[in-house]
Every structure is written in structure tokens, then in C-alpha cells.
């Protein structure tokens, strides 16, 4: 039964159940909906969608489950080419 609950939670997080909150340099917050893994993949692939641009401009983030994938995506986007 515990495995079933864990799988349901994983599926929910992949569908973007909880928002991703980006903290911007000017003090405002931006909210993104969607899969953290999908946003990370777009950043990894160099896609410069509006959501990916917001990630690149942000200074920190709060993700569902307390993860740090968006922080890693920001590092990829703002790192040396």
C-alpha cells in the first residue's frame, strides 16, 4: 500500500500539481505550473521559452517536494557555454 501512495505522489508531481515559485532579483515572485523535469529538459536542450527565460533570470526557487532541479537548470542556463 505504501508503494501505491508513493507512485500516486510521483505521478501528481509529474503532472504539475504544485506550483514552482521563482524568486526574482527585484523581490517579486513568479509562479510556473508544469513538470519540473520537463522544464529542466528544456533548459538542458537550450530551448529559450518564456518559462525558461524566467528560470534563467531568477535568483532562487521553491519546488514541489523541496527539490533543486530548477536551481540546477538555472546553473545550466547561466553557466559557461
PDB file of N, CA and C in Angstrom:
ATOM      1  N   UNK A   1       0.821  -1.198   0.000  1.00  0.00           N
ATOM      2  CA  UNK A   1       0.000   0.000   0.000  1.00  0.00           C
ATOM      3  C   UNK A   1       0.862   1.257   0.000  1.00  0.00           C
ATOM      4  N   UNK A   2       1.943   1.259   0.743  1.00  0.00           N
ATOM      5  CA  UNK A   2       2.835   2.409   0.788  1.00  0.00           C
ATOM      6  C   UNK A   2       3.397   2.710  -0.607  1.00  0.00           C
ATOM      7  N   UNK A   3       3.718   1.674  -1.357  1.00  0.00           N
ATOM      8  CA  UNK A   3       4.237   1.853  -2.706  1.00  0.00           C
ATOM      9  C   UNK A   3       3.212   2.545  -3.592  1.00  0.00           C
ATOM     10  N   UNK A   4       1.948   2.167  -3.456  1.00  0.00           N
ATOM     11  CA  UNK A   4       0.881   2.789  -4.255  1.00  0.00           C
ATOM     12  C   UNK A   4       0.795   4.287  -3.961  1.00  0.00           C
ATOM     13  N   UNK A   5       0.845   4.670  -2.692  1.00  0.00           N
ATOM     14  CA  UNK A   5       0.781   6.090  -2.336  1.00  0.00           C
ATOM     15  C   UNK A   5       1.983   6.851  -2.879  1.00  0.00           C
ATOM     16  N   UNK A   6       3.138   6.230  -2.827  1.00  0.00           N
ATOM     17  CA  UNK A   6       4.341   6.883  -3.345  1.00  0.00           C
ATOM     18  C   UNK A   6       4.253   7.065  -4.858  1.00  0.00           C
ATOM     19  N   UNK A   7       3.738   6.080  -5.566  1.00  0.00           N
ATOM     20  CA  UNK A   7       3.566   6.204  -7.012  1.00  0.00           C
ATOM     21  C   UNK A   7       2.544   7.286  -7.363  1.00  0.00           C
ATOM     22  N   UNK A   8       1.458   7.355  -6.607  1.00  0.00           N
ATOM     23  CA  UNK A   8       0.461   8.393  -6.845  1.00  0.00           C
ATOM     24  C   UNK A   8       1.049   9.782  -6.619  1.00  0.00           C
ATOM     25  N   UNK A   9       1.863   9.931  -5.581  1.00  0.00           N
ATOM     26  CA  UNK A   9       2.507  11.217  -5.310  1.00  0.00           C
ATOM     27  C   UNK A   9       3.475  11.582  -6.426  1.00  0.00           C
ATOM     28  N   UNK A  10       4.225  10.602  -6.920  1.00  0.00           N
ATOM     29  CA  UNK A  10       5.150  10.850  -8.025  1.00  0.00           C
ATOM     30  C   UNK A  10       4.404  11.272  -9.281  1.00  0.00           C
ATOM     31  N   UNK A  11       3.320  10.586  -9.607  1.00  0.00           N
ATOM     32  CA  UNK A  11       2.519  10.950 -10.777  1.00  0.00           C
ATOM     33  C   UNK A  11       1.965  12.355 -10.642  1.00  0.00           C
ATOM     34  N   UNK A  12       1.485  12.686  -9.464  1.00  0.00           N
ATOM     35  CA  UNK A  12       0.932  14.023  -9.238  1.00  0.00           C
ATOM     36  C   UNK A  12       2.002  15.092  -9.427  1.00  0.00           C
ATOM     37  N   UNK A  13       3.201  14.850  -8.921  1.00  0.00           N
ATOM     38  CA  UNK A  13       4.272  15.842  -9.070  1.00  0.00           C
ATOM     39  C   UNK A  13       4.691  15.994 -10.525  1.00  0.00           C
ATOM     40  N   UNK A  14       4.637  14.924 -11.298  1.00  0.00           N
ATOM     41  CA  UNK A  14       4.994  14.999 -12.707  1.00  0.00           C
ATOM     42  C   UNK A  14       3.964  15.755 -13.527  1.00  0.00           C
ATOM     43  N   UNK A  15       2.733  15.773 -13.063  1.00  0.00           N
ATOM     44  CA  UNK A  15       1.670  16.478 -13.775  1.00  0.00           C
ATOM     45  C   UNK A  15       1.592  17.941 -13.382  1.00  0.00           C
ATOM     46  N   UNK A  16       2.457  18.373 -12.504  1.00  0.00           N
ATOM     47  CA  UNK A  16       2.476  19.777 -12.133  1.00  0.00           C
ATOM     48  C   UNK A  16       1.405  20.157 -11.138  1.00  0.00           C
ATOM     49  N   UNK A  17       1.146  19.288 -10.167  1.00  0.00           N
ATOM     50  CA  UNK A  17       0.127  19.557  -9.174  1.00  0.00           C
ATOM     51  C   UNK A  17       0.432  20.777  -8.330  1.00  0.00           C
ATOM     52  N   UNK A  18       1.651  20.935  -7.889  1.00  0.00           N
ATOM     53  CA  UNK A  18       2.054  22.082  -7.083  1.00  0.00           C
ATOM     54  C   UNK A  18       2.841  23.063  -7.951  1.00  0.00           C
ATOM     55  N   UNK A  19       2.699  24.356  -7.688  1.00  0.00           N
ATOM     56  CA  UNK A  19       3.424  25.334  -8.498  1.00  0.00           C
ATOM     57  C   UNK A  19       4.904  25.418  -8.126  1.00  0.00           C
ATOM     58  N   UNK A  20       5.676  25.894  -9.059  1.00  0.00           N
ATOM     59  CA  UNK A  20       7.087  26.207  -8.847  1.00  0.00           C
ATOM     60  C   UNK A  20       7.146  27.717  -8.671  1.00  0.00           C
ATOM     61  N   UNK A  21       7.727  28.178  -7.576  1.00  0.00           N
ATOM     62  CA  UNK A  21       7.811  29.609  -7.301  1.00  0.00           C
ATOM     63  C   UNK A  21       9.245  30.064  -7.553  1.00  0.00           C
ATOM     64  N   UNK A  22       9.389  31.027  -8.451  1.00  0.00           N
ATOM     65  CA  UNK A  22      10.692  31.601  -8.753  1.00  0.00           C
ATOM     66  C   UNK A  22      10.823  32.929  -8.016  1.00  0.00           C
ATOM     67  N   UNK A  23      11.955  33.140  -7.364  1.00  0.00           N
ATOM     68  CA  UNK A  23      12.226  34.381  -6.649  1.00  0.00           C
ATOM     69  C   UNK A  23      13.139  35.218  -7.543  1.00  0.00           C
ATOM     70  N   UNK A  24      12.665  36.423  -7.880  1.00  0.00           N
ATOM     71  CA  UNK A  24      13.358  37.271  -8.827  1.00  0.00           C
ATOM     72  C   UNK A  24      14.240  38.294  -8.101  1.00  0.00           C
ATOM     73  N   UNK A  25      15.243  38.843  -8.801  1.00  0.00           N
ATOM     74  CA  UNK A  25      16.172  39.788  -8.166  1.00  0.00           C
ATOM     75  C   UNK A  25      15.505  41.042  -7.597  1.00  0.00           C
ATOM     76  N   UNK A  26      14.392  41.457  -8.179  1.00  0.00           N
ATOM     77  CA  UNK A  26      13.728  42.679  -7.711  1.00  0.00           C
ATOM     78  C   UNK A  26      12.762  42.430  -6.552  1.00  0.00           C
ATOM     79  N   UNK A  27      12.721  41.206  -6.032  1.00  0.00           N
ATOM     80  CA  UNK A  27      11.895  40.884  -4.879  1.00  0.00           C
ATOM     81  C   UNK A  27      10.536  40.274  -5.207  1.00  0.00           C
ATOM     82  N   UNK A  28      10.142  40.297  -6.452  1.00  0.00           N
ATOM     83  CA  UNK A  28       8.852  39.712  -6.817  1.00  0.00           C
ATOM     84  C   UNK A  28       8.994  38.200  -6.989  1.00  0.00           C
ATOM     85  N   UNK A  29       7.852  37.534  -7.043  1.00  0.00           N
ATOM     86  CA  UNK A  29       7.820  36.092  -7.261  1.00  0.00           C
ATOM     87  C   UNK A  29       7.044  35.798  -8.532  1.00  0.00           C
ATOM     88  N   UNK A  30       7.485  34.814  -9.266  1.00  0.00           N
ATOM     89  CA  UNK A  30       6.791  34.315 -10.455  1.00  0.00           C
ATOM     90  C   UNK A  30       6.434  32.860 -10.204  1.00  0.00           C
ATOM     91  N   UNK A  31       5.256  32.466 -10.634  1.00  0.00           N
ATOM     92  CA  UNK A  31       4.798  31.097 -10.432  1.00  0.00           C
ATOM     93  C   UNK A  31       4.710  30.376 -11.768  1.00  0.00           C
ATOM     94  N   UNK A  32       5.298  29.187 -11.818  1.00  0.00           N
ATOM     95  CA  UNK A  32       5.232  28.345 -13.009  1.00  0.00           C
ATOM     96  C   UNK A  32       4.452  27.083 -12.674  1.00  0.00           C
ATOM     97  N   UNK A  33       3.672  26.635 -13.622  1.00  0.00           N
ATOM     98  CA  UNK A  33       2.973  25.348 -13.499  1.00  0.00           C
ATOM     99  C   UNK A  33       3.575  24.412 -14.526  1.00  0.00           C
ATOM    100  N   UNK A  34       3.626  23.159 -14.199  1.00  0.00           N
ATOM    101  CA  UNK A  34       4.146  22.174 -15.132  1.00  0.00           C
ATOM    102  C   UNK A  34       5.128  21.259 -14.461  1.00  0.00           C
ATOM    103  N   UNK A  35       5.649  20.371 -15.223  1.00  0.00           N
ATOM    104  CA  UNK A  35       6.575  19.370 -14.727  1.00  0.00           C
ATOM    105  C   UNK A  35       7.973  19.961 -14.548  1.00  0.00           C
ATOM    106  N   UNK A  36       8.538  19.752 -13.383  1.00  0.00           N
ATOM    107  CA  UNK A  36       9.902  20.202 -13.117  1.00  0.00           C
ATOM    108  C   UNK A  36      10.864  19.534 -14.099  1.00  0.00           C
ATOM    109  N   UNK A  37      10.649  18.244 -14.349  1.00  0.00           N
ATOM    110  CA  UNK A  37      11.538  17.525 -15.266  1.00  0.00           C
ATOM    111  C   UNK A  37      11.428  18.054 -16.690  1.00  0.00           C
ATOM    112  N   UNK A  38      10.227  18.432 -17.116  1.00  0.00           N
ATOM    113  CA  UNK A  38      10.052  18.998 -18.454  1.00  0.00           C
ATOM    114  C   UNK A  38      10.773  20.347 -18.570  1.00  0.00           C
ATOM    115  N   UNK A  39      10.644  21.183 -17.552  1.00  0.00           N
ATOM    116  CA  UNK A  39      11.337  22.479 -17.570  1.00  0.00           C
ATOM    117  C   UNK A  39      12.850  22.285 -17.557  1.00  0.00           C
ATOM    118  N   UNK A  40      13.322  21.331 -16.767  1.00  0.00           N
ATOM    119  CA  UNK A  40      14.753  21.041 -16.741  1.00  0.00           C
ATOM    120  C   UNK A  40      15.234  20.567 -18.108  1.00  0.00           C
ATOM    121  N   UNK A  41      14.470  19.696 -18.742  1.00  0.00           N
ATOM    122  CA  UNK A  41      14.856  19.187 -20.063  1.00  0.00           C
ATOM    123  C   UNK A  41      14.920  20.311 -21.085  1.00  0.00           C
ATOM    124  N   UNK A  42      13.977  21.248 -21.022  1.00  0.00           N
ATOM    125  CA  UNK A  42      14.013  22.391 -21.952  1.00  0.00           C
ATOM    126  C   UNK A  42      15.268  23.222 -21.732  1.00  0.00           C
ATOM    127  N   UNK A  43      15.613  23.457 -20.465  1.00  0.00           N
ATOM    128  CA  UNK A  43      16.826  24.223 -20.154  1.00  0.00           C
ATOM    129  C   UNK A  43      18.065  23.481 -20.646  1.00  0.00           C
ATOM    130  N   UNK A  44      18.098  22.180 -20.409  1.00  0.00           N
ATOM    131  CA  UNK A  44      19.240  21.361 -20.843  1.00  0.00           C
ATOM    132  C   UNK A  44      19.414  21.405 -22.354  1.00  0.00           C
ATOM    133  N   UNK A  45      18.282  21.402 -23.071  1.00  0.00           N
ATOM    134  CA  UNK A  45      18.321  21.389 -24.530  1.00  0.00           C
ATOM    135  C   UNK A  45      18.535  22.769 -25.142  1.00  0.00           C
ATOM    136  N   UNK A  46      18.572  23.800 -24.301  1.00  0.00           N
ATOM    137  CA  UNK A  46      18.818  25.149 -24.809  1.00  0.00           C
ATOM    138  C   UNK A  46      17.588  25.859 -25.337  1.00  0.00           C
ATOM    139  N   UNK A  47      16.394  25.316 -25.081  1.00  0.00           N
ATOM    140  CA  UNK A  47      15.165  25.984 -25.503  1.00  0.00           C
ATOM    141  C   UNK A  47      14.999  27.261 -24.688  1.00  0.00           C
ATOM    142  N   UNK A  48      14.755  28.361 -25.353  1.00  0.00           N
ATOM    143  CA  UNK A  48      14.592  29.635 -24.649  1.00  0.00           C
ATOM    144  C   UNK A  48      13.138  30.077 -24.686  1.00  0.00           C
ATOM    145  N   UNK A  49      12.281  29.276 -24.060  1.00  0.00           N
ATOM    146  CA  UNK A  49      10.869  29.613 -23.949  1.00  0.00           C
ATOM    147  C   UNK A  49      10.716  30.681 -22.861  1.00  0.00           C
ATOM    148  N   UNK A  50       9.565  31.345 -22.788  1.00  0.00           N
ATOM    149  CA  UNK A  50       9.377  32.351 -21.734  1.00  0.00           C
ATOM    150  C   UNK A  50       9.581  31.778 -20.323  1.00  0.00           C
ATOM    151  N   UNK A  51       9.144  30.544 -20.102  1.00  0.00           N
ATOM    152  CA  UNK A  51       9.327  29.928 -18.789  1.00  0.00           C
ATOM    153  C   UNK A  51      10.804  29.703 -18.487  1.00  0.00           C
ATOM    154  N   UNK A  52      11.543  29.251 -19.476  1.00  0.00           N
ATOM    155  CA  UNK A  52      12.975  29.008 -19.291  1.00  0.00           C
ATOM    156  C   UNK A  52      13.706  30.326 -19.070  1.00  0.00           C
ATOM    157  N   UNK A  53      13.294  31.377 -19.747  1.00  0.00           N
ATOM    158  CA  UNK A  53      13.900  32.699 -19.530  1.00  0.00           C
ATOM    159  C   UNK A  53      13.666  33.179 -18.100  1.00  0.00           C
ATOM    160  N   UNK A  54      12.472  32.933 -17.574  1.00  0.00           N
ATOM    161  CA  UNK A  54      12.201  33.305 -16.184  1.00  0.00           C
ATOM    162  C   UNK A  54      13.109  32.538 -15.226  1.00  0.00           C
ATOM    163  N   UNK A  55      13.320  31.265 -15.505  1.00  0.00           N
ATOM    164  CA  UNK A  55      14.221  30.466 -14.672  1.00  0.00           C
ATOM    165  C   UNK A  55      15.629  31.057 -14.719  1.00  0.00           C
ATOM    166  N   UNK A  56      16.090  31.427 -15.900  1.00  0.00           N
ATOM    167  CA  UNK A  56      17.434  31.986 -16.051  1.00  0.00           C
ATOM    168  C   UNK A  56      17.583  33.310 -15.296  1.00  0.00           C
ATOM    169  N   UNK A  57      16.527  34.104 -15.244  1.00  0.00           N
ATOM    170  CA  UNK A  57      16.578  35.408 -14.581  1.00  0.00           C
ATOM    171  C   UNK A  57      16.395  35.316 -13.070  1.00  0.00           C
ATOM    172  N   UNK A  58      15.854  34.214 -12.578  1.00  0.00           N
ATOM    173  CA  UNK A  58      15.556  34.086 -11.152  1.00  0.00           C
ATOM    174  C   UNK A  58      16.833  33.923 -10.334  1.00  0.00           C
ATOM    175  N   UNK A  59      16.699  34.171  -9.016  1.00  0.00           N
ATOM    176  CA  UNK A  59      17.854  34.009  -8.126  1.00  0.00           C
ATOM    177  C   UNK A  59      17.711  32.788  -7.214  1.00  0.00           C
ATOM    178  N   UNK A  60      16.486  32.300  -7.039  1.00  0.00           N
ATOM    179  CA  UNK A  60      16.239  31.073  -6.283  1.00  0.00           C
ATOM    180  C   UNK A  60      14.834  30.587  -6.605  1.00  0.00           C
ATOM    181  N   UNK A  61      14.495  29.419  -6.070  1.00  0.00           N
ATOM    182  CA  UNK A  61      13.171  28.863  -6.359  1.00  0.00           C
ATOM    183  C   UNK A  61      12.713  27.972  -5.211  1.00  0.00           C
ATOM    184  N   UNK A  62      11.411  27.751  -5.183  1.00  0.00           N
ATOM    185  CA  UNK A  62      10.794  26.802  -4.266  1.00  0.00           C
ATOM    186  C   UNK A  62      10.044  25.807  -5.121  1.00  0.00           C
ATOM    187  N   UNK A  63      10.427  24.542  -5.027  1.00  0.00           N
ATOM    188  CA  UNK A  63       9.849  23.495  -5.867  1.00  0.00           C
ATOM    189  C   UNK A  63       8.997  22.548  -5.057  1.00  0.00           C
ATOM    190  N   UNK A  64       8.059  21.871  -5.728  1.00  0.00           N
ATOM    191  CA  UNK A  64       7.285  20.831  -5.037  1.00  0.00           C
ATOM    192  C   UNK A  64       8.221  19.771  -4.462  1.00  0.00           C
ATOM    193  N   UNK A  65       8.000  19.404  -3.241  1.00  0.00           N
ATOM    194  CA  UNK A  65       8.815  18.366  -2.620  1.00  0.00           C
ATOM    195  C   UNK A  65      10.166  18.843  -2.128  1.00  0.00           C
ATOM    196  N   UNK A  66      10.457  20.135  -2.266  1.00  0.00           N
ATOM    197  CA  UNK A  66      11.719  20.678  -1.776  1.00  0.00           C
ATOM    198  C   UNK A  66      12.923  20.360  -2.642  1.00  0.00           C
ATOM    199  N   UNK A  67      12.702  20.007  -3.903  1.00  0.00           N
ATOM    200  CA  UNK A  67      13.801  19.664  -4.802  1.00  0.00           C
ATOM    201  C   UNK A  67      14.616  20.861  -5.242  1.00  0.00           C
ATOM    202  N   UNK A  68      15.635  20.589  -6.041  1.00  0.00           N
ATOM    203  CA  UNK A  68      16.528  21.640  -6.526  1.00  0.00           C
ATOM    204  C   UNK A  68      16.795  21.528  -8.022  1.00  0.00           C
ATOM    205  N   UNK A  69      15.896  20.897  -8.768  1.00  0.00           N
ATOM    206  CA  UNK A  69      16.090  20.744 -10.214  1.00  0.00           C
ATOM    207  C   UNK A  69      16.066  22.096 -10.930  1.00  0.00           C
ATOM    208  N   UNK A  70      15.238  23.020 -10.489  1.00  0.00           N
ATOM    209  CA  UNK A  70      15.178  24.332 -11.125  1.00  0.00           C
ATOM    210  C   UNK A  70      16.465  25.098 -10.847  1.00  0.00           C
ATOM    211  N   UNK A  71      17.045  24.922  -9.654  1.00  0.00           N
ATOM    212  CA  UNK A  71      18.342  25.540  -9.364  1.00  0.00           C
ATOM    213  C   UNK A  71      19.411  24.987 -10.300  1.00  0.00           C
ATOM    214  N   UNK A  72      19.367  23.700 -10.555  1.00  0.00           N
ATOM    215  CA  UNK A  72      20.310  23.088 -11.480  1.00  0.00           C
ATOM    216  C   UNK A  72      20.086  23.610 -12.901  1.00  0.00           C
ATOM    217  N   UNK A  73      18.821  23.754 -13.296  1.00  0.00           N
ATOM    218  CA  UNK A  73      18.515  24.310 -14.625  1.00  0.00           C
ATOM    219  C   UNK A  73      19.060  25.727 -14.746  1.00  0.00           C
ATOM    220  N   UNK A  74      18.906  26.537 -13.686  1.00  0.00           N
ATOM    221  CA  UNK A  74      19.429  27.915 -13.701  1.00  0.00           C
ATOM    222  C   UNK A  74      20.946  27.913 -13.876  1.00  0.00           C
ATOM    223  N   UNK A  75      21.617  26.982 -13.208  1.00  0.00           N
ATOM    224  CA  UNK A  75      23.073  26.882 -13.347  1.00  0.00           C
ATOM    225  C   UNK A  75      23.459  26.519 -14.787  1.00  0.00           C
ATOM    226  N   UNK A  76      22.711  25.623 -15.395  1.00  0.00           N
ATOM    227  CA  UNK A  76      22.987  25.257 -16.795  1.00  0.00           C
ATOM    228  C   UNK A  76      22.781  26.455 -17.720  1.00  0.00           C
ATOM    229  N   UNK A  77      21.709  27.201 -17.483  1.00  0.00           N
ATOM    230  CA  UNK A  77      21.362  28.328 -18.361  1.00  0.00           C
ATOM    231  C   UNK A  77      22.350  29.481 -18.231  1.00  0.00           C
ATOM    232  N   UNK A  78      22.878  29.694 -17.017  1.00  0.00           N
ATOM    233  CA  UNK A  78      23.732  30.851 -16.772  1.00  0.00           C
ATOM    234  C   UNK A  78      25.211  30.504 -16.699  1.00  0.00           C
ATOM    235  N   UNK A  79      25.546  29.248 -16.936  1.00  0.00           N
ATOM    236  CA  UNK A  79      26.931  28.818 -16.875  1.00  0.00           C
ATOM    237  C   UNK A  79      27.666  29.105 -18.178  1.00  0.00           C
ATOM    238  N   UNK A  80      28.955  28.798 -18.217  1.00  0.00           N
ATOM    239  CA  UNK A  80      29.716  28.977 -19.452  1.00  0.00           C
ATOM    240  C   UNK A  80      29.184  28.071 -20.560  1.00  0.00           C
ATOM    241  N   UNK A  81      29.254  28.535 -21.752  1.00  0.00           N
ATOM    242  CA  UNK A  81      28.693  27.780 -22.872  1.00  0.00           C
ATOM    243  C   UNK A  81      29.616  26.715 -23.377  1.00  0.00           C
TER     244      UNK A  81
END
